[in-house]
Amino acid sequence: MTVTLLVRLRDWLLDTFTYDSGSSAAGAMADATRWGWLPALSGVSVGADQARAEHEKTLPGNRGMSA
């Protein structure tokens, strides 16, 4: 009985004061790589919209800001 109590106490102490972050770290890295491209993609789409708008202003026959 004493050995079982000591083993249970040791297991409880290990579970309480140690943390296994292997699975949590793997999940965090998966989320970062899964969603990390979104800011870059939104910047590209904003830049494309701005370029398209500027290009339409400079088309022949279009009297935009350059006229």
C-alpha atoms as a PDB file:
ATOM      1  CA  MET A   1       0.000   0.000   0.000  1.00  0.00           C
ATOM      2  CA  THR A   2       2.783   2.419   0.798  1.00  0.00           C
ATOM      3  CA  VAL A   3       4.428   1.847  -2.570  1.00  0.00           C
ATOM      4  CA  THR A   4       1.162   2.436  -4.417  1.00  0.00           C
ATOM      5  CA  LEU A   5       0.568   5.649  -2.488  1.00  0.00           C
ATOM      6  CA  LEU A   6       4.080   6.898  -3.247  1.00  0.00           C
ATOM      7  CA  VAL A   7       3.708   6.022  -6.926  1.00  0.00           C
ATOM      8  CA  ARG A   8       0.388   7.836  -7.127  1.00  0.00           C
ATOM      9  CA  LEU A   9       1.868  10.851  -5.350  1.00  0.00           C
ATOM     10  CA  ARG A  10       4.828  10.898  -7.722  1.00  0.00           C
ATOM     11  CA  ASP A  11       2.534  10.635 -10.756  1.00  0.00           C
ATOM     12  CA  TRP A  12       0.344  13.435  -9.447  1.00  0.00           C
ATOM     13  CA  LEU A  13       3.360  15.686  -8.844  1.00  0.00           C
ATOM     14  CA  LEU A  14       4.715  14.991 -12.326  1.00  0.00           C
ATOM     15  CA  ASP A  15       1.350  15.718 -13.930  1.00  0.00           C
ATOM     16  CA  THR A  16       0.899  18.872 -11.883  1.00  0.00           C
ATOM     17  CA  PHE A  17       4.315  20.450 -12.323  1.00  0.00           C
ATOM     18  CA  THR A  18       5.338  19.313 -15.790  1.00  0.00           C
ATOM     19  CA  TYR A  19       3.757  20.079 -19.132  1.00  0.00           C
ATOM     20  CA  ASP A  20       4.102  18.180 -22.363  1.00  0.00           C
ATOM     21  CA  SER A  21       3.722  20.747 -25.115  1.00  0.00           C
ATOM     22  CA  GLY A  22       4.516  18.482 -28.048  1.00  0.00           C
ATOM     23  CA  SER A  23       0.989  18.127 -29.348  1.00  0.00           C
ATOM     24  CA  SER A  24       0.103  21.747 -28.553  1.00  0.00           C
ATOM     25  CA  ALA A  25       3.165  23.054 -30.361  1.00  0.00           C
ATOM     26  CA  ALA A  26       2.417  20.915 -33.393  1.00  0.00           C
ATOM     27  CA  GLY A  27      -1.146  22.230 -33.488  1.00  0.00           C
ATOM     28  CA  ALA A  28       0.011  25.830 -33.187  1.00  0.00           C
ATOM     29  CA  MET A  29       2.486  25.400 -36.034  1.00  0.00           C
ATOM     30  CA  ALA A  30      -0.202  23.817 -38.206  1.00  0.00           C
ATOM     31  CA  ASP A  31      -2.498  26.793 -37.570  1.00  0.00           C
ATOM     32  CA  ALA A  32       0.293  29.275 -38.297  1.00  0.00           C
ATOM     33  CA  THR A  33       1.151  27.662 -41.606  1.00  0.00           C
ATOM     34  CA  ARG A  34      -2.505  27.166 -42.499  1.00  0.00           C
ATOM     35  CA  TRP A  35      -3.547  30.785 -41.935  1.00  0.00           C
ATOM     36  CA  GLY A  36      -0.230  32.644 -42.189  1.00  0.00           C
ATOM     37  CA  TRP A  37      -0.663  33.404 -45.891  1.00  0.00           C
ATOM     38  CA  LEU A  38      -3.878  35.406 -45.447  1.00  0.00           C
ATOM     39  CA  PRO A  39      -2.306  38.829 -44.764  1.00  0.00           C
ATOM     40  CA  ALA A  40      -0.058  38.505 -47.805  1.00  0.00           C
ATOM     41  CA  LEU A  41      -2.954  37.474 -50.000  1.00  0.00           C
ATOM     42  CA  SER A  42      -5.116  40.373 -48.874  1.00  0.00           C
ATOM     43  CA  GLY A  43      -2.260  42.782 -49.605  1.00  0.00           C
ATOM     44  CA  VAL A  44      -1.929  41.374 -53.102  1.00  0.00           C
ATOM     45  CA  SER A  45      -5.639  41.745 -53.780  1.00  0.00           C
ATOM     46  CA  VAL A  46      -5.645  45.350 -52.523  1.00  0.00           C
ATOM     47  CA  GLY A  47      -2.623  46.127 -54.691  1.00  0.00           C
ATOM     48  CA  ALA A  48      -4.280  44.522 -57.696  1.00  0.00           C
ATOM     49  CA  ASP A  49      -7.418  46.624 -57.202  1.00  0.00           C
ATOM     50  CA  GLN A  50      -5.352  49.805 -56.947  1.00  0.00           C
ATOM     51  CA  ALA A  51      -3.343  48.918 -60.042  1.00  0.00           C
ATOM     52  CA  ARG A  52      -6.531  48.173 -61.968  1.00  0.00           C
ATOM     53  CA  ALA A  53      -8.044  51.515 -60.955  1.00  0.00           C
ATOM     54  CA  GLU A  54      -4.896  53.436 -61.955  1.00  0.00           C
ATOM     55  CA  HIS A  55      -4.723  51.576 -65.252  1.00  0.00           C
ATOM     56  CA  GLU A  56      -8.326  52.496 -66.074  1.00  0.00           C
ATOM     57  CA  LYS A  57      -7.470  56.161 -65.483  1.00  0.00           C
ATOM     58  CA  THR A  58      -4.665  56.055 -68.046  1.00  0.00           C
ATOM     59  CA  LEU A  59      -6.546  54.277 -70.849  1.00  0.00           C
ATOM     60  CA  PRO A  60      -6.775  56.212 -74.126  1.00  0.00           C
ATOM     61  CA  GLY A  61      -9.984  58.172 -74.408  1.00  0.00           C
ATOM     62  CA  ASN A  62     -10.499  58.155 -70.676  1.00  0.00           C
ATOM     63  CA  ARG A  63     -10.358  61.652 -69.209  1.00  0.00           C
ATOM     64  CA  GLY A  64      -9.129  60.865 -65.745  1.00  0.00           C
ATOM     65  CA  MET A  65      -6.814  62.879 -63.530  1.00  0.00           C
ATOM     66  CA  SER A  66      -4.148  63.096 -66.217  1.00  0.00           C
ATOM     67  CA  ALA A  67      -6.328  65.167 -68.560  1.00  0.00           C
END
